[in-house]
Amino acid sequence: MKILVTGAGGFLGFYIARDLKSLGHEVYNFSRTHHADLDQIEVTTRTGNLNDPESIEAALDGIEAIFHVAGKVAMWGKWDDFYQTNTVGTKNLVHAAKKKSIKKFIYTSTPSVVFGEGDIINGDESLPYPDDSLSLYAKSKMLAEQFVLEQNSKEFLTCALRPHLIFGPRDKNIIPRLVEAQKKKKLKRIGDGENLVDIIYVENAAKAHIQAFEKLSVDSPVAGSAYFIAQERPVNLWDFINKILEVNGQSKVTKSISVKKAYFIGTIIEKILRLFKIWNIHPPMTRFVALQLGKSHYFKHDKAVNDFNYHPDIGIEESLKRITP
């Protein structure tokens, strides 16, 4: 099958493209620039922009299925940037796919679409979207996910996967930032250090996407559904962070701050950044980050197990070995 993966030059998208190739599919990348490392796994790049419908339509020539992985990921920024890329860009891709009579559309979402301000303990897919989100990224992804699932029909099959805290080789976001912050002695534990969270190794996340794709059919419960996916169990977040730091040659986090204080600091920082219209930075704290790092948020995965037989092949301990530099 001819399959397009948006953002295959990135993190999760690369592994999805690689694994689809190993299964014998003809795989194409869609991104703004060419990626030489994709040439090595014989994935052809079709350049374009999610906000340019003409380039999308050109990239979809001959394509039979889409994995939409690309997006703007950040904890701070201008709403219009998130909205145009994550929401409008997704709608553009869906409209073009339907115009081209493409049958399958697998969307990479995030558990943050249901995250409000409290703990989530063993949540499942019945959790509603919050009335408001502290994260513009999460809000833009929520609007996109809603749209994708609403578009599901017999002629156009869709589903959404919500991997949480993806880690592994090629990660240029989570692990590098943690390591760099600890190098500068700026990393502090938020909360009492007892909060549990879901995590997922990148190869397990890629596998789940492909399993959902293979089960996606008119008569399947996968059609029109969203799924939480993660490792075999939630982890103590700060124990996990300390293990990541350890395998990267850094000391453990010893300083701490309460969730309430971190949230207050995040509130002040956000107000200042908005006042001076500063968008293109990575702030030391936001309200959303304070809650993500200080609260528990983990989910049941029964639906993914029942609907497409998901289970992680690579366990937590083995995953940590694989991220050793």
C-alpha atoms as a PDB file:
ATOM      1  CA  MET A   1       0.000   0.000   0.000  1.00  0.00           C
ATOM      2  CA  LYS A   2       1.187   3.565  -0.700  1.00  0.00           C
ATOM      3  CA  ILE A   3       1.226   5.434   2.611  1.00  0.00           C
ATOM      4  CA  LEU A   4       2.024   9.048   3.503  1.00  0.00           C
ATOM      5  CA  VAL A   5       3.464   9.854   6.929  1.00  0.00           C
ATOM      6  CA  THR A   6       3.481  13.535   7.838  1.00  0.00           C
ATOM      7  CA  GLY A   7       6.566  14.452   9.835  1.00  0.00           C
ATOM      8  CA  ALA A   8       8.451  11.223   9.124  1.00  0.00           C
ATOM      9  CA  GLY A   9      11.686  13.168   9.460  1.00  0.00           C
ATOM     10  CA  GLY A  10      10.944  13.770  13.128  1.00  0.00           C
ATOM     11  CA  PHE A  11      10.731  11.508  16.141  1.00  0.00           C
ATOM     12  CA  LEU A  12       7.684   9.204  16.228  1.00  0.00           C
ATOM     13  CA  GLY A  13       7.020   9.681  12.508  1.00  0.00           C
ATOM     14  CA  PHE A  14      10.428   8.235  11.619  1.00  0.00           C
ATOM     15  CA  TYR A  15       9.742   4.990  13.469  1.00  0.00           C
ATOM     16  CA  ILE A  16       6.276   4.652  11.960  1.00  0.00           C
ATOM     17  CA  ALA A  17       7.724   5.150   8.460  1.00  0.00           C
ATOM     18  CA  ARG A  18      10.569   2.714   9.152  1.00  0.00           C
ATOM     19  CA  ASP A  19       8.230   0.005  10.442  1.00  0.00           C
ATOM     20  CA  LEU A  20       5.770   0.457   7.583  1.00  0.00           C
ATOM     21  CA  LYS A  21       8.681  -0.002   5.157  1.00  0.00           C
ATOM     22  CA  SER A  22       9.707  -3.210   6.910  1.00  0.00           C
ATOM     23  CA  LEU A  23       6.164  -4.503   6.376  1.00  0.00           C
ATOM     24  CA  GLY A  24       6.504  -3.953   2.625  1.00  0.00           C
ATOM     25  CA  HIS A  25       4.574  -0.722   2.188  1.00  0.00           C
ATOM     26  CA  GLU A  26       5.649   2.079  -0.131  1.00  0.00           C
ATOM     27  CA  VAL A  27       6.142   4.993   2.253  1.00  0.00           C
ATOM     28  CA  TYR A  28       6.337   8.732   1.628  1.00  0.00           C
ATOM     29  CA  ASN A  29       7.166  11.577   3.976  1.00  0.00           C
ATOM     30  CA  PHE A  30       5.386  14.927   3.897  1.00  0.00           C
ATOM     31  CA  SER A  31       7.290  17.842   5.420  1.00  0.00           C
ATOM     32  CA  ARG A  32       8.582  21.304   4.619  1.00  0.00           C
ATOM     33  CA  THR A  33      12.145  20.097   4.004  1.00  0.00           C
ATOM     34  CA  HIS A  34      13.981  17.051   2.703  1.00  0.00           C
ATOM     35  CA  HIS A  35      15.440  14.669   5.310  1.00  0.00           C
ATOM     36  CA  ALA A  36      18.565  12.783   4.265  1.00  0.00           C
ATOM     37  CA  ASP A  37      18.158  10.108   6.943  1.00  0.00           C
ATOM     38  CA  LEU A  38      14.883   9.057   5.322  1.00  0.00           C
ATOM     39  CA  ASP A  39      16.787   8.310   2.105  1.00  0.00           C
ATOM     40  CA  GLN A  40      18.681   5.629   4.019  1.00  0.00           C
ATOM     41  CA  ILE A  41      15.453   3.742   4.749  1.00  0.00           C
ATOM     42  CA  GLU A  42      14.089   4.421   1.240  1.00  0.00           C
ATOM     43  CA  VAL A  43      11.328   6.788   2.278  1.00  0.00           C
ATOM     44  CA  THR A  44      10.676   9.463  -0.347  1.00  0.00           C
ATOM     45  CA  THR A  45       9.969  13.013   0.812  1.00  0.00           C
ATOM     46  CA  ARG A  46       7.236  15.065  -0.806  1.00  0.00           C
ATOM     47  CA  THR A  47       7.740  18.633   0.343  1.00  0.00           C
ATOM     48  CA  GLY A  48       4.928  20.962   1.262  1.00  0.00           C
ATOM     49  CA  ASN A  49       3.146  22.726   4.082  1.00  0.00           C
ATOM     50  CA  LEU A  50       0.025  21.822   6.053  1.00  0.00           C
ATOM     51  CA  ASN A  51      -1.218  25.353   5.462  1.00  0.00           C
ATOM     52  CA  ASP A  52      -0.802  25.045   1.690  1.00  0.00           C
ATOM     53  CA  PRO A  53      -3.681  22.933   0.304  1.00  0.00           C
ATOM     54  CA  GLU A  54      -2.131  22.778  -3.173  1.00  0.00           C
ATOM     55  CA  SER A  55       1.074  21.205  -1.888  1.00  0.00           C
ATOM     56  CA  ILE A  56      -0.959  18.746   0.186  1.00  0.00           C
ATOM     57  CA  GLU A  57      -3.000  17.634  -2.811  1.00  0.00           C
ATOM     58  CA  ALA A  58       0.153  17.161  -4.880  1.00  0.00           C
ATOM     59  CA  ALA A  59       1.711  15.079  -2.105  1.00  0.00           C
ATOM     60  CA  LEU A  60      -1.355  12.823  -1.923  1.00  0.00           C
ATOM     61  CA  ASP A  61      -1.193  11.638  -5.544  1.00  0.00           C
ATOM     62  CA  GLY A  62      -1.485   7.847  -5.515  1.00  0.00           C
ATOM     63  CA  ILE A  63      -1.635   7.665  -1.703  1.00  0.00           C
ATOM     64  CA  GLU A  64      -3.992   5.139  -0.091  1.00  0.00           C
ATOM     65  CA  ALA A  65      -3.559   5.870   3.636  1.00  0.00           C
ATOM     66  CA  ILE A  66      -2.237   8.672   5.864  1.00  0.00           C
ATOM     67  CA  PHE A  67      -0.516   8.716   9.241  1.00  0.00           C
ATOM     68  CA  HIS A  68      -0.735  12.322  10.426  1.00  0.00           C
ATOM     69  CA  VAL A  69       2.054  12.698  12.975  1.00  0.00           C
ATOM     70  CA  ALA A  70       3.419  16.195  12.261  1.00  0.00           C
ATOM     71  CA  GLY A  71       2.475  19.169  14.387  1.00  0.00           C
ATOM     72  CA  LYS A  72       3.665  22.103  16.441  1.00  0.00           C
ATOM     73  CA  VAL A  73       4.683  20.881  19.903  1.00  0.00           C
ATOM     74  CA  ALA A  74       5.538  23.475  22.547  1.00  0.00           C
ATOM     75  CA  MET A  75       4.494  24.475  26.044  1.00  0.00           C
ATOM     76  CA  TRP A  76       4.307  28.151  25.116  1.00  0.00           C
ATOM     77  CA  GLY A  77       3.619  30.206  22.011  1.00  0.00           C
ATOM     78  CA  LYS A  78       1.103  32.218  20.052  1.00  0.00           C
ATOM     79  CA  TRP A  79      -2.363  30.697  19.719  1.00  0.00           C
ATOM     80  CA  ASP A  80      -2.540  31.353  15.997  1.00  0.00           C
ATOM     81  CA  ASP A  81       0.661  29.359  15.411  1.00  0.00           C
ATOM     82  CA  PHE A  82      -0.730  26.316  17.214  1.00  0.00           C
ATOM     83  CA  TYR A  83      -4.145  26.689  15.636  1.00  0.00           C
ATOM     84  CA  GLN A  84      -2.924  27.122  12.070  1.00  0.00           C
ATOM     85  CA  THR A  85      -0.550  24.161  12.189  1.00  0.00           C
ATOM     86  CA  ASN A  86      -2.320  21.672  14.439  1.00  0.00           C
ATOM     87  CA  THR A  87      -5.985  22.439  13.797  1.00  0.00           C
ATOM     88  CA  VAL A  88      -6.280  24.129  10.404  1.00  0.00           C
ATOM     89  CA  GLY A  89      -3.393  22.070   9.012  1.00  0.00           C
ATOM     90  CA  THR A  90      -5.127  18.849  10.050  1.00  0.00           C
ATOM     91  CA  LYS A  91      -8.400  20.007   8.501  1.00  0.00           C
ATOM     92  CA  ASN A  92      -6.586  20.846   5.263  1.00  0.00           C
ATOM     93  CA  LEU A  93      -5.079  17.368   5.194  1.00  0.00           C
ATOM     94  CA  VAL A  94      -8.429  15.681   5.874  1.00  0.00           C
ATOM     95  CA  HIS A  95     -10.215  17.700   3.179  1.00  0.00           C
ATOM     96  CA  ALA A  96      -7.519  16.858   0.629  1.00  0.00           C
ATOM     97  CA  ALA A  97      -7.553  13.175   1.624  1.00  0.00           C
ATOM     98  CA  LYS A  98     -11.316  12.939   1.156  1.00  0.00           C
ATOM     99  CA  LYS A  99     -11.034  14.740  -2.176  1.00  0.00           C
ATOM    100  CA  LYS A 100      -8.468  12.134  -3.255  1.00  0.00           C
ATOM    101  CA  SER A 101     -10.700   9.266  -1.996  1.00  0.00           C
ATOM    102  CA  ILE A 102      -8.084   8.080   0.488  1.00  0.00           C
ATOM    103  CA  LYS A 103      -9.593   5.449   2.753  1.00  0.00           C
ATOM    104  CA  LYS A 104      -7.614   5.495   6.027  1.00  0.00           C
ATOM    105  CA  PHE A 105      -6.471   8.363   8.262  1.00  0.00           C
ATOM    106  CA  ILE A 106      -4.574   7.655  11.490  1.00  0.00           C
ATOM    107  CA  TYR A 107      -4.111  10.738  13.669  1.00  0.00           C
ATOM    108  CA  THR A 108      -1.465  11.157  16.378  1.00  0.00           C
ATOM    109  CA  SER A 109      -3.146  12.992  19.240  1.00  0.00           C
ATOM    110  CA  THR A 110      -2.125  13.418  22.892  1.00  0.00           C
ATOM    111  CA  PRO A 111      -3.612  12.591  26.316  1.00  0.00           C
ATOM    112  CA  SER A 112      -3.308  16.311  27.025  1.00  0.00           C
ATOM    113  CA  VAL A 113      -6.579  16.787  25.117  1.00  0.00           C
ATOM    114  CA  VAL A 114      -8.414  15.621  28.269  1.00  0.00           C
ATOM    115  CA  PHE A 115      -6.112  17.165  30.874  1.00  0.00           C
ATOM    116  CA  GLY A 116      -7.675  19.809  33.076  1.00  0.00           C
ATOM    117  CA  GLU A 117      -6.233  20.776  36.462  1.00  0.00           C
ATOM    118  CA  GLY A 118      -6.661  17.672  38.620  1.00  0.00           C
ATOM    119  CA  ASP A 119      -5.120  14.213  38.809  1.00  0.00           C
ATOM    120  CA  ILE A 120      -6.233  11.570  36.321  1.00  0.00           C
ATOM    121  CA  ILE A 121      -6.139   8.109  37.883  1.00  0.00           C
ATOM    122  CA  ASN A 122      -6.822   5.164  35.563  1.00  0.00           C
ATOM    123  CA  GLY A 123      -8.730   7.387  33.163  1.00  0.00           C
ATOM    124  CA  ASP A 124     -10.284   5.900  30.066  1.00  0.00           C
ATOM    125  CA  GLU A 125     -11.544   7.091  26.705  1.00  0.00           C
ATOM    126  CA  SER A 126     -14.885   8.165  28.188  1.00  0.00           C
ATOM    127  CA  LEU A 127     -13.148  11.180  29.752  1.00  0.00           C
ATOM    128  CA  PRO A 128     -14.604  14.378  28.254  1.00  0.00           C
ATOM    129  CA  TYR A 129     -12.617  17.211  26.781  1.00  0.00           C
ATOM    130  CA  PRO A 130     -12.178  19.953  29.417  1.00  0.00           C
ATOM    131  CA  ASP A 131     -14.170  23.176  29.108  1.00  0.00           C
ATOM    132  CA  ASP A 132     -10.882  25.047  28.951  1.00  0.00           C
ATOM    133  CA  SER A 133      -7.235  24.051  28.619  1.00  0.00           C
ATOM    134  CA  LEU A 134      -4.162  25.585  30.206  1.00  0.00           C
ATOM    135  CA  SER A 135      -2.158  24.529  27.139  1.00  0.00           C
ATOM    136  CA  LEU A 136      -2.662  26.093  23.712  1.00  0.00           C
ATOM    137  CA  TYR A 137      -0.949  23.056  22.227  1.00  0.00           C
ATOM    138  CA  ALA A 138      -3.455  20.729  23.912  1.00  0.00           C
ATOM    139  CA  LYS A 139      -6.380  22.907  22.854  1.00  0.00           C
ATOM    140  CA  SER A 140      -5.297  22.941  19.206  1.00  0.00           C
ATOM    141  CA  LYS A 141      -4.798  19.157  19.263  1.00  0.00           C
ATOM    142  CA  MET A 142      -8.185  18.654  20.904  1.00  0.00           C
ATOM    143  CA  LEU A 143      -9.942  20.631  18.163  1.00  0.00           C
ATOM    144  CA  ALA A 144      -8.068  18.642  15.525  1.00  0.00           C
ATOM    145  CA  GLU A 145      -8.858  15.297  17.150  1.00  0.00           C
ATOM    146  CA  GLN A 146     -12.539  16.170  17.410  1.00  0.00           C
ATOM    147  CA  PHE A 147     -12.626  17.046  13.731  1.00  0.00           C
ATOM    148  CA  VAL A 148     -10.782  13.907  12.627  1.00  0.00           C
ATOM    149  CA  LEU A 149     -13.077  11.581  14.571  1.00  0.00           C
ATOM    150  CA  GLU A 150     -16.205  13.413  13.389  1.00  0.00           C
ATOM    151  CA  GLN A 151     -15.119  12.831   9.787  1.00  0.00           C
ATOM    152  CA  ASN A 152     -15.133   9.046  10.164  1.00  0.00           C
ATOM    153  CA  SER A 153     -17.458   7.321   7.691  1.00  0.00           C
ATOM    154  CA  LYS A 154     -17.686   4.170   5.595  1.00  0.00           C
ATOM    155  CA  GLU A 155     -15.800   5.971   2.835  1.00  0.00           C
ATOM    156  CA  PHE A 156     -13.214   7.654   5.067  1.00  0.00           C
ATOM    157  CA  LEU A 157     -12.030   5.705   8.107  1.00  0.00           C
ATOM    158  CA  THR A 158     -10.328   7.574  10.933  1.00  0.00           C
ATOM    159  CA  CYS A 159      -8.922   6.956  14.393  1.00  0.00           C
ATOM    160  CA  ALA A 160      -6.749   8.823  16.905  1.00  0.00           C
ATOM    161  CA  LEU A 161      -3.975   7.576  19.181  1.00  0.00           C
ATOM    162  CA  ARG A 162      -2.921   9.361  22.364  1.00  0.00           C
ATOM    163  CA  PRO A 163       0.642   8.351  23.297  1.00  0.00           C
ATOM    164  CA  HIS A 164       1.887   9.916  26.518  1.00  0.00           C
ATOM    165  CA  LEU A 165       5.426  11.175  27.182  1.00  0.00           C
ATOM    166  CA  ILE A 166       7.156   9.477  24.245  1.00  0.00           C
ATOM    167  CA  PHE A 167      10.850   8.820  24.811  1.00  0.00           C
ATOM    168  CA  GLY A 168      13.652   7.049  22.978  1.00  0.00           C
ATOM    169  CA  PRO A 169      16.468   7.589  20.462  1.00  0.00           C
ATOM    170  CA  ARG A 170      15.987  10.604  18.130  1.00  0.00           C
ATOM    171  CA  ASP A 171      14.083  12.482  20.857  1.00  0.00           C
ATOM    172  CA  LYS A 172      15.032  16.149  20.543  1.00  0.00           C
ATOM    173  CA  ASN A 173      12.526  17.432  23.051  1.00  0.00           C
ATOM    174  CA  ILE A 174      11.982  15.776  26.440  1.00  0.00           C
ATOM    175  CA  ILE A 175      15.282  14.082  27.271  1.00  0.00           C
ATOM    176  CA  PRO A 176      17.630  16.793  25.913  1.00  0.00           C
ATOM    177  CA  ARG A 177      15.753  19.507  27.830  1.00  0.00           C
ATOM    178  CA  LEU A 178      15.829  17.559  31.084  1.00  0.00           C
ATOM    179  CA  VAL A 179      19.539  16.849  30.728  1.00  0.00           C
ATOM    180  CA  GLU A 180      20.359  20.442  29.811  1.00  0.00           C
ATOM    181  CA  ALA A 181      18.317  21.823  32.723  1.00  0.00           C
ATOM    182  CA  GLN A 182      20.086  19.528  35.173  1.00  0.00           C
ATOM    183  CA  LYS A 183      23.480  20.457  33.766  1.00  0.00           C
ATOM    184  CA  LYS A 184      22.652  24.059  34.651  1.00  0.00           C
ATOM    185  CA  LYS A 185      21.280  22.946  38.058  1.00  0.00           C
ATOM    186  CA  LYS A 186      17.913  24.482  37.193  1.00  0.00           C
ATOM    187  CA  LEU A 187      15.795  21.336  37.460  1.00  0.00           C
ATOM    188  CA  LYS A 188      13.544  21.054  40.503  1.00  0.00           C
ATOM    189  CA  ARG A 189      11.085  18.363  41.485  1.00  0.00           C
ATOM    190  CA  ILE A 190       7.541  19.681  41.487  1.00  0.00           C
ATOM    191  CA  GLY A 191       5.273  18.288  44.186  1.00  0.00           C
ATOM    192  CA  ASP A 192       5.887  15.506  46.686  1.00  0.00           C
ATOM    193  CA  GLY A 193       7.527  13.184  44.155  1.00  0.00           C
ATOM    194  CA  GLU A 194       4.789  10.562  44.441  1.00  0.00           C
ATOM    195  CA  ASN A 195       2.867  11.326  41.236  1.00  0.00           C
ATOM    196  CA  LEU A 196       2.422   8.529  38.712  1.00  0.00           C
ATOM    197  CA  VAL A 197       2.319   9.091  34.955  1.00  0.00           C
ATOM    198  CA  ASP A 198       2.079   7.104  31.760  1.00  0.00           C
ATOM    199  CA  ILE A 199       5.111   6.920  29.489  1.00  0.00           C
ATOM    200  CA  ILE A 200       5.730   5.143  26.189  1.00  0.00           C
ATOM    201  CA  TYR A 201       8.873   4.075  24.385  1.00  0.00           C
ATOM    202  CA  VAL A 202       8.840   5.370  20.825  1.00  0.00           C
ATOM    203  CA  GLU A 203       8.972   1.954  19.130  1.00  0.00           C
ATOM    204  CA  ASN A 204       5.947   0.796  21.124  1.00  0.00           C
ATOM    205  CA  ALA A 205       4.088   3.948  20.085  1.00  0.00           C
ATOM    206  CA  ALA A 206       4.905   3.272  16.427  1.00  0.00           C
ATOM    207  CA  LYS A 207       3.725  -0.321  16.760  1.00  0.00           C
ATOM    208  CA  ALA A 208       0.393   0.805  18.238  1.00  0.00           C
ATOM    209  CA  HIS A 209      -0.208   3.177  15.326  1.00  0.00           C
ATOM    210  CA  ILE A 210       0.396   0.406  12.811  1.00  0.00           C
ATOM    211  CA  GLN A 211      -1.776  -2.083  14.707  1.00  0.00           C
ATOM    212  CA  ALA A 212      -4.639   0.436  14.738  1.00  0.00           C
ATOM    213  CA  PHE A 213      -4.125   1.053  11.014  1.00  0.00           C
ATOM    214  CA  GLU A 214      -4.255  -2.672  10.250  1.00  0.00           C
ATOM    215  CA  LYS A 215      -7.486  -3.133  12.218  1.00  0.00           C
ATOM    216  CA  LEU A 216      -9.148   0.008  10.874  1.00  0.00           C
ATOM    217  CA  SER A 217     -12.126  -1.091   8.784  1.00  0.00           C
ATOM    218  CA  VAL A 218     -15.812  -0.323   8.352  1.00  0.00           C
ATOM    219  CA  ASP A 219     -16.863  -3.041  10.803  1.00  0.00           C
ATOM    220  CA  SER A 220     -14.081  -2.413  13.326  1.00  0.00           C
ATOM    221  CA  PRO A 221     -14.541  -0.560  16.642  1.00  0.00           C
ATOM    222  CA  VAL A 222     -11.307   1.258  15.757  1.00  0.00           C
ATOM    223  CA  ALA A 223     -13.175   3.405  13.223  1.00  0.00           C
ATOM    224  CA  GLY A 224     -13.986   6.784  14.740  1.00  0.00           C
ATOM    225  CA  SER A 225     -12.278   5.970  18.055  1.00  0.00           C
ATOM    226  CA  ALA A 226      -9.513   7.472  20.185  1.00  0.00           C
ATOM    227  CA  TYR A 227      -7.051   5.398  22.228  1.00  0.00           C
ATOM    228  CA  PHE A 228      -4.702   5.963  25.135  1.00  0.00           C
ATOM    229  CA  ILE A 229      -1.490   3.976  24.673  1.00  0.00           C
ATOM    230  CA  ALA A 230       1.463   3.607  27.041  1.00  0.00           C
ATOM    231  CA  GLN A 231       3.907   1.198  28.673  1.00  0.00           C
ATOM    232  CA  GLU A 232       3.034  -1.847  30.770  1.00  0.00           C
ATOM    233  CA  ARG A 233       2.468   0.325  33.844  1.00  0.00           C
ATOM    234  CA  PRO A 234       2.611   3.960  34.952  1.00  0.00           C
ATOM    235  CA  VAL A 235       5.845   5.120  36.559  1.00  0.00           C
ATOM    236  CA  ASN A 236       6.752   7.438  39.385  1.00  0.00           C
ATOM    237  CA  LEU A 237       7.553  10.478  37.254  1.00  0.00           C
ATOM    238  CA  TRP A 238      10.480  11.759  39.286  1.00  0.00           C
ATOM    239  CA  ASP A 239      12.054   8.323  39.688  1.00  0.00           C
ATOM    240  CA  PHE A 240      11.802   7.988  35.912  1.00  0.00           C
ATOM    241  CA  ILE A 241      13.336  11.432  35.339  1.00  0.00           C
ATOM    242  CA  ASN A 242      16.194  10.570  37.697  1.00  0.00           C
ATOM    243  CA  LYS A 243      16.852   7.347  35.778  1.00  0.00           C
ATOM    244  CA  ILE A 244      16.972   9.286  32.514  1.00  0.00           C
ATOM    245  CA  LEU A 245      19.407  11.739  34.068  1.00  0.00           C
ATOM    246  CA  GLU A 246      21.515   8.892  35.433  1.00  0.00           C
ATOM    247  CA  VAL A 247      21.920   7.131  32.073  1.00  0.00           C
ATOM    248  CA  ASN A 248      22.893  10.493  30.597  1.00  0.00           C
ATOM    249  CA  GLY A 249      25.620  11.050  33.167  1.00  0.00           C
ATOM    250  CA  GLN A 250      23.770  13.575  35.323  1.00  0.00           C
ATOM    251  CA  SER A 251      23.038  13.658  39.034  1.00  0.00           C
ATOM    252  CA  LYS A 252      19.565  13.135  40.456  1.00  0.00           C
ATOM    253  CA  VAL A 253      17.186  16.018  41.149  1.00  0.00           C
ATOM    254  CA  THR A 254      17.554  17.077  44.783  1.00  0.00           C
ATOM    255  CA  LYS A 255      15.750  20.423  44.976  1.00  0.00           C
ATOM    256  CA  SER A 256      11.958  20.625  45.098  1.00  0.00           C
ATOM    257  CA  ILE A 257       9.076  23.073  44.920  1.00  0.00           C
ATOM    258  CA  SER A 258       5.378  22.644  45.710  1.00  0.00           C
ATOM    259  CA  VAL A 259       2.825  22.324  42.930  1.00  0.00           C
ATOM    260  CA  LYS A 260       1.032  25.395  44.271  1.00  0.00           C
ATOM    261  CA  LYS A 261       4.188  27.527  44.149  1.00  0.00           C
ATOM    262  CA  ALA A 262       5.184  26.243  40.692  1.00  0.00           C
ATOM    263  CA  TYR A 263       1.674  26.990  39.419  1.00  0.00           C
ATOM    264  CA  PHE A 264       1.871  30.527  40.849  1.00  0.00           C
ATOM    265  CA  ILE A 265       5.275  31.109  39.240  1.00  0.00           C
ATOM    266  CA  GLY A 266       3.908  29.794  35.939  1.00  0.00           C
ATOM    267  CA  THR A 267       0.967  32.195  36.187  1.00  0.00           C
ATOM    268  CA  ILE A 268       3.270  35.197  36.700  1.00  0.00           C
ATOM    269  CA  ILE A 269       5.600  34.171  33.870  1.00  0.00           C
ATOM    270  CA  GLU A 270       2.677  33.727  31.458  1.00  0.00           C
ATOM    271  CA  LYS A 271       1.275  37.159  32.354  1.00  0.00           C
ATOM    272  CA  ILE A 272       4.621  38.822  31.744  1.00  0.00           C
ATOM    273  CA  LEU A 273       5.156  37.035  28.437  1.00  0.00           C
ATOM    274  CA  ARG A 274       1.674  37.991  27.246  1.00  0.00           C
ATOM    275  CA  LEU A 275       2.112  41.599  28.367  1.00  0.00           C
ATOM    276  CA  PHE A 276       5.282  41.996  26.327  1.00  0.00           C
ATOM    277  CA  LYS A 277       4.052  39.670  23.552  1.00  0.00           C
ATOM    278  CA  ILE A 278       6.994  37.311  23.894  1.00  0.00           C
ATOM    279  CA  TRP A 279       6.102  34.051  22.182  1.00  0.00           C
ATOM    280  CA  ASN A 280       9.165  32.346  20.753  1.00  0.00           C
ATOM    281  CA  ILE A 281      10.860  31.177  23.934  1.00  0.00           C
ATOM    282  CA  HIS A 282      10.810  28.093  26.171  1.00  0.00           C
ATOM    283  CA  PRO A 283       9.771  29.564  29.553  1.00  0.00           C
ATOM    284  CA  PRO A 284      11.147  28.002  32.741  1.00  0.00           C
ATOM    285  CA  MET A 285       7.599  27.353  33.984  1.00  0.00           C
ATOM    286  CA  THR A 286       3.956  27.550  32.903  1.00  0.00           C
ATOM    287  CA  ARG A 287       0.756  26.551  34.697  1.00  0.00           C
ATOM    288  CA  PHE A 288       0.349  23.527  32.427  1.00  0.00           C
ATOM    289  CA  VAL A 289       3.930  22.343  32.988  1.00  0.00           C
ATOM    290  CA  ALA A 290       3.528  22.728  36.768  1.00  0.00           C
ATOM    291  CA  LEU A 291       0.494  20.437  36.753  1.00  0.00           C
ATOM    292  CA  GLN A 292       1.963  17.967  34.256  1.00  0.00           C
ATOM    293  CA  LEU A 293       5.072  17.526  36.406  1.00  0.00           C
ATOM    294  CA  GLY A 294       3.330  17.653  39.770  1.00  0.00           C
ATOM    295  CA  LYS A 295       0.088  15.733  39.255  1.00  0.00           C
ATOM    296  CA  SER A 296      -0.674  12.093  38.480  1.00  0.00           C
ATOM    297  CA  HIS A 297      -2.066  11.330  35.060  1.00  0.00           C
ATOM    298  CA  TYR A 298      -2.269   7.780  33.805  1.00  0.00           C
ATOM    299  CA  PHE A 299      -4.823   5.770  31.898  1.00  0.00           C
ATOM    300  CA  LYS A 300      -6.354   2.376  31.294  1.00  0.00           C
ATOM    301  CA  HIS A 301      -5.368   0.785  27.994  1.00  0.00           C
ATOM    302  CA  ASP A 302      -8.031  -1.918  27.855  1.00  0.00           C
ATOM    303  CA  LYS A 303      -9.644  -0.404  24.779  1.00  0.00           C
ATOM    304  CA  ALA A 304      -6.426  -0.585  22.734  1.00  0.00           C
ATOM    305  CA  VAL A 305      -5.800  -4.130  23.980  1.00  0.00           C
ATOM    306  CA  ASN A 306      -9.313  -5.277  23.075  1.00  0.00           C
ATOM    307  CA  ASP A 307      -9.687  -3.446  19.757  1.00  0.00           C
ATOM    308  CA  PHE A 308      -6.268  -4.008  18.160  1.00  0.00           C
ATOM    309  CA  ASN A 309      -4.361  -6.250  20.593  1.00  0.00           C
ATOM    310  CA  TYR A 310      -1.923  -3.570  21.716  1.00  0.00           C
ATOM    311  CA  HIS A 311       0.818  -4.444  24.175  1.00  0.00           C
ATOM    312  CA  PRO A 312       4.320  -2.977  24.478  1.00  0.00           C
ATOM    313  CA  ASP A 313       7.017  -5.247  23.071  1.00  0.00           C
ATOM    314  CA  ILE A 314       9.806  -3.315  24.765  1.00  0.00           C
ATOM    315  CA  GLY A 315       9.482  -2.956  28.531  1.00  0.00           C
ATOM    316  CA  ILE A 316      10.446   0.025  30.661  1.00  0.00           C
ATOM    317  CA  GLU A 317      13.768  -1.386  31.872  1.00  0.00           C
ATOM    318  CA  GLU A 318      14.868  -2.383  28.361  1.00  0.00           C
ATOM    319  CA  SER A 319      13.715   0.998  27.045  1.00  0.00           C
ATOM    320  CA  LEU A 320      15.964   2.818  29.490  1.00  0.00           C
ATOM    321  CA  LYS A 321      18.929   0.747  28.338  1.00  0.00           C
ATOM    322  CA  ARG A 322      18.241   1.782  24.758  1.00  0.00           C
ATOM    323  CA  ILE A 323      18.464   5.502  25.492  1.00  0.00           C
ATOM    324  CA  THR A 324      21.939   5.258  27.013  1.00  0.00           C
ATOM    325  CA  PRO A 325      24.220   7.551  24.983  1.00  0.00           C
END
